Amino acid sequence: MLVLGLILILVAAAALIAALVGGSNDSATFDLGIIDVETTSLGVFLIGAATVLLFVMGLELARSGVRRANRRRKEQKQYQKLSAQYGDHKDNKETQQPASDPE
């Protein structure tokens, strides 16, 4: 997995360098309904890269939230199990103690 990750990072870096060096100055216009945005092909590439970055950050935040929730759920189950065991142990100690006669 580490090797695959490093290969993907190198491919992404090569694509960025190719876009920065070999990018043409062709203009592109986006109609956003209210306004028109005019940019170059490099601008389109950088907007796409920023969009992917935001998407990946969102996925990481969601993944970490799910991990935290699972960890809390597991800890809560463990606490309930320990609490039940402690309660059973306490009940057993009370029934095993002989009743003392008040003299």
C-alpha atoms as a PDB file:
ATOM      1  CA  MET A   1       0.000   0.000   0.000  1.00  0.00           C
ATOM      2  CA  LEU A   2       2.861   2.343   0.819  1.00  0.00           C
ATOM      3  CA  VAL A   3       4.477   1.778  -2.569  1.00  0.00           C
ATOM      4  CA  LEU A   4       1.170   2.309  -4.370  1.00  0.00           C
ATOM      5  CA  GLY A   5       0.596   5.526  -2.426  1.00  0.00           C
ATOM      6  CA  LEU A   6       4.047   6.837  -3.326  1.00  0.00           C
ATOM      7  CA  ILE A   7       3.499   5.977  -6.993  1.00  0.00           C
ATOM      8  CA  LEU A   8       0.181   7.863  -7.000  1.00  0.00           C
ATOM      9  CA  ILE A   9       1.838  10.887  -5.378  1.00  0.00           C
ATOM     10  CA  LEU A  10       4.540  10.889  -8.072  1.00  0.00           C
ATOM     11  CA  VAL A  11       1.939  10.613 -10.846  1.00  0.00           C
ATOM     12  CA  ALA A  12      -0.034  13.529  -9.355  1.00  0.00           C
ATOM     13  CA  ALA A  13       3.137  15.621  -9.049  1.00  0.00           C
ATOM     14  CA  ALA A  14       4.025  14.866 -12.689  1.00  0.00           C
ATOM     15  CA  ALA A  15       0.517  15.893 -13.810  1.00  0.00           C
ATOM     16  CA  LEU A  16       0.791  19.156 -11.873  1.00  0.00           C
ATOM     17  CA  ILE A  17       4.181  19.968 -13.368  1.00  0.00           C
ATOM     18  CA  ALA A  18       2.913  19.122 -16.876  1.00  0.00           C
ATOM     19  CA  ALA A  19      -0.097  21.403 -16.384  1.00  0.00           C
ATOM     20  CA  LEU A  20       2.017  24.267 -15.074  1.00  0.00           C
ATOM     21  CA  VAL A  21       4.717  24.025 -17.737  1.00  0.00           C
ATOM     22  CA  GLY A  22       2.741  22.915 -20.770  1.00  0.00           C
ATOM     23  CA  GLY A  23      -0.529  24.693 -20.088  1.00  0.00           C
ATOM     24  CA  SER A  24      -1.857  26.751 -22.948  1.00  0.00           C
ATOM     25  CA  ASN A  25      -3.373  30.174 -22.602  1.00  0.00           C
ATOM     26  CA  ASP A  26      -6.676  29.137 -24.171  1.00  0.00           C
ATOM     27  CA  SER A  27      -9.525  30.820 -22.395  1.00  0.00           C
ATOM     28  CA  ALA A  28     -12.509  28.974 -21.031  1.00  0.00           C
ATOM     29  CA  THR A  29     -15.782  30.539 -19.924  1.00  0.00           C
ATOM     30  CA  PHE A  30     -18.097  29.036 -17.321  1.00  0.00           C
ATOM     31  CA  ASP A  31     -21.710  30.128 -17.104  1.00  0.00           C
ATOM     32  CA  LEU A  32     -22.702  29.931 -13.417  1.00  0.00           C
ATOM     33  CA  GLY A  33     -26.178  31.300 -13.976  1.00  0.00           C
ATOM     34  CA  ILE A  34     -25.683  34.666 -12.316  1.00  0.00           C
ATOM     35  CA  ILE A  35     -22.177  35.421 -13.566  1.00  0.00           C
ATOM     36  CA  ASP A  36     -19.790  34.189 -16.215  1.00  0.00           C
ATOM     37  CA  VAL A  37     -16.309  33.192 -15.095  1.00  0.00           C
ATOM     38  CA  GLU A  38     -13.509  33.398 -17.630  1.00  0.00           C
ATOM     39  CA  THR A  39     -10.268  31.535 -16.971  1.00  0.00           C
ATOM     40  CA  THR A  40      -7.465  29.692 -18.732  1.00  0.00           C
ATOM     41  CA  SER A  41      -6.993  25.953 -19.086  1.00  0.00           C
ATOM     42  CA  LEU A  42      -4.486  26.142 -16.212  1.00  0.00           C
ATOM     43  CA  GLY A  43      -7.176  27.794 -14.089  1.00  0.00           C
ATOM     44  CA  VAL A  44      -9.572  24.976 -14.926  1.00  0.00           C
ATOM     45  CA  PHE A  45      -6.924  22.440 -13.892  1.00  0.00           C
ATOM     46  CA  LEU A  46      -6.221  24.222 -10.601  1.00  0.00           C
ATOM     47  CA  ILE A  47      -9.947  24.537  -9.828  1.00  0.00           C
ATOM     48  CA  GLY A  48     -10.312  20.796 -10.435  1.00  0.00           C
ATOM     49  CA  ALA A  49      -7.315  20.068  -8.203  1.00  0.00           C
ATOM     50  CA  ALA A  50      -8.774  22.230  -5.429  1.00  0.00           C
ATOM     51  CA  THR A  51     -12.108  20.440  -5.781  1.00  0.00           C
ATOM     52  CA  VAL A  52     -10.452  17.031  -5.457  1.00  0.00           C
ATOM     53  CA  LEU A  53      -8.486  18.251  -2.433  1.00  0.00           C
ATOM     54  CA  LEU A  54     -11.657  19.431  -0.705  1.00  0.00           C
ATOM     55  CA  PHE A  55     -13.389  16.154  -1.523  1.00  0.00           C
ATOM     56  CA  VAL A  56     -10.528  14.079  -0.079  1.00  0.00           C
ATOM     57  CA  MET A  57     -10.448  16.267   3.052  1.00  0.00           C
ATOM     58  CA  GLY A  58     -14.187  15.709   3.481  1.00  0.00           C
ATOM     59  CA  LEU A  59     -13.759  11.958   3.137  1.00  0.00           C
ATOM     60  CA  GLU A  60     -10.977  11.965   5.742  1.00  0.00           C
ATOM     61  CA  LEU A  61     -13.089  13.968   8.184  1.00  0.00           C
ATOM     62  CA  ALA A  62     -16.028  11.610   7.710  1.00  0.00           C
ATOM     63  CA  ARG A  63     -13.767   8.570   8.130  1.00  0.00           C
ATOM     64  CA  SER A  64     -12.220   9.910  11.313  1.00  0.00           C
ATOM     65  CA  GLY A  65     -15.687  10.702  12.685  1.00  0.00           C
ATOM     66  CA  VAL A  66     -16.849   7.153  12.009  1.00  0.00           C
ATOM     67  CA  ARG A  67     -13.721   5.745  13.649  1.00  0.00           C
ATOM     68  CA  ARG A  68     -14.239   7.922  16.725  1.00  0.00           C
ATOM     69  CA  ALA A  69     -17.886   6.897  16.981  1.00  0.00           C
ATOM     70  CA  ASN A  70     -16.987   3.204  16.676  1.00  0.00           C
ATOM     71  CA  ARG A  71     -14.288   3.553  19.310  1.00  0.00           C
ATOM     72  CA  ARG A  72     -16.710   5.293  21.697  1.00  0.00           C
ATOM     73  CA  ARG A  73     -19.350   2.644  21.072  1.00  0.00           C
ATOM     74  CA  LYS A  74     -16.846  -0.127  21.792  1.00  0.00           C
ATOM     75  CA  GLU A  75     -15.664   1.625  24.981  1.00  0.00           C
ATOM     76  CA  GLN A  76     -19.265   2.115  26.105  1.00  0.00           C
ATOM     77  CA  LYS A  77     -19.981  -1.604  25.635  1.00  0.00           C
ATOM     78  CA  GLN A  78     -16.870  -2.446  27.618  1.00  0.00           C
ATOM     79  CA  TYR A  79     -17.874  -0.063  30.429  1.00  0.00           C
ATOM     80  CA  GLN A  80     -21.361  -1.565  30.571  1.00  0.00           C
ATOM     81  CA  LYS A  81     -19.904  -5.078  30.683  1.00  0.00           C
ATOM     82  CA  LEU A  82     -17.516  -4.131  33.493  1.00  0.00           C
ATOM     83  CA  SER A  83     -20.303  -2.377  35.348  1.00  0.00           C
ATOM     84  CA  ALA A  84     -22.496  -5.455  35.100  1.00  0.00           C
ATOM     85  CA  GLN A  85     -19.649  -7.665  36.324  1.00  0.00           C
ATOM     86  CA  TYR A  86     -18.921  -5.338  39.222  1.00  0.00           C
ATOM     87  CA  GLY A  87     -22.585  -5.237  40.170  1.00  0.00           C
ATOM     88  CA  ASP A  88     -22.778  -9.065  40.101  1.00  0.00           C
ATOM     89  CA  HIS A  89     -19.612  -9.320  42.171  1.00  0.00           C
ATOM     90  CA  LYS A  90     -20.974  -6.871  44.730  1.00  0.00           C
ATOM     91  CA  ASP A  91     -24.266  -8.802  44.976  1.00  0.00           C
ATOM     92  CA  ASN A  92     -22.368 -12.085  45.482  1.00  0.00           C
ATOM     93  CA  LYS A  93     -20.291 -10.614  48.316  1.00  0.00           C
ATOM     94  CA  GLU A  94     -23.424  -9.426  50.110  1.00  0.00           C
ATOM     95  CA  THR A  95     -25.075 -12.869  49.930  1.00  0.00           C
ATOM     96  CA  GLN A  96     -21.944 -14.713  51.025  1.00  0.00           C
ATOM     97  CA  GLN A  97     -21.401 -12.707  54.222  1.00  0.00           C
ATOM     98  CA  PRO A  98     -22.986 -14.414  57.227  1.00  0.00           C
ATOM     99  CA  ALA A  99     -25.547 -12.437  59.136  1.00  0.00           C
ATOM    100  CA  SER A 100     -24.088 -11.304  62.410  1.00  0.00           C
ATOM    101  CA  ASP A 101     -26.152 -11.627  65.583  1.00  0.00           C
ATOM    102  CA  PRO A 102     -26.396  -8.390  67.514  1.00  0.00           C
ATOM    103  CA  GLU A 103     -25.596  -9.272  71.087  1.00  0.00           C
END
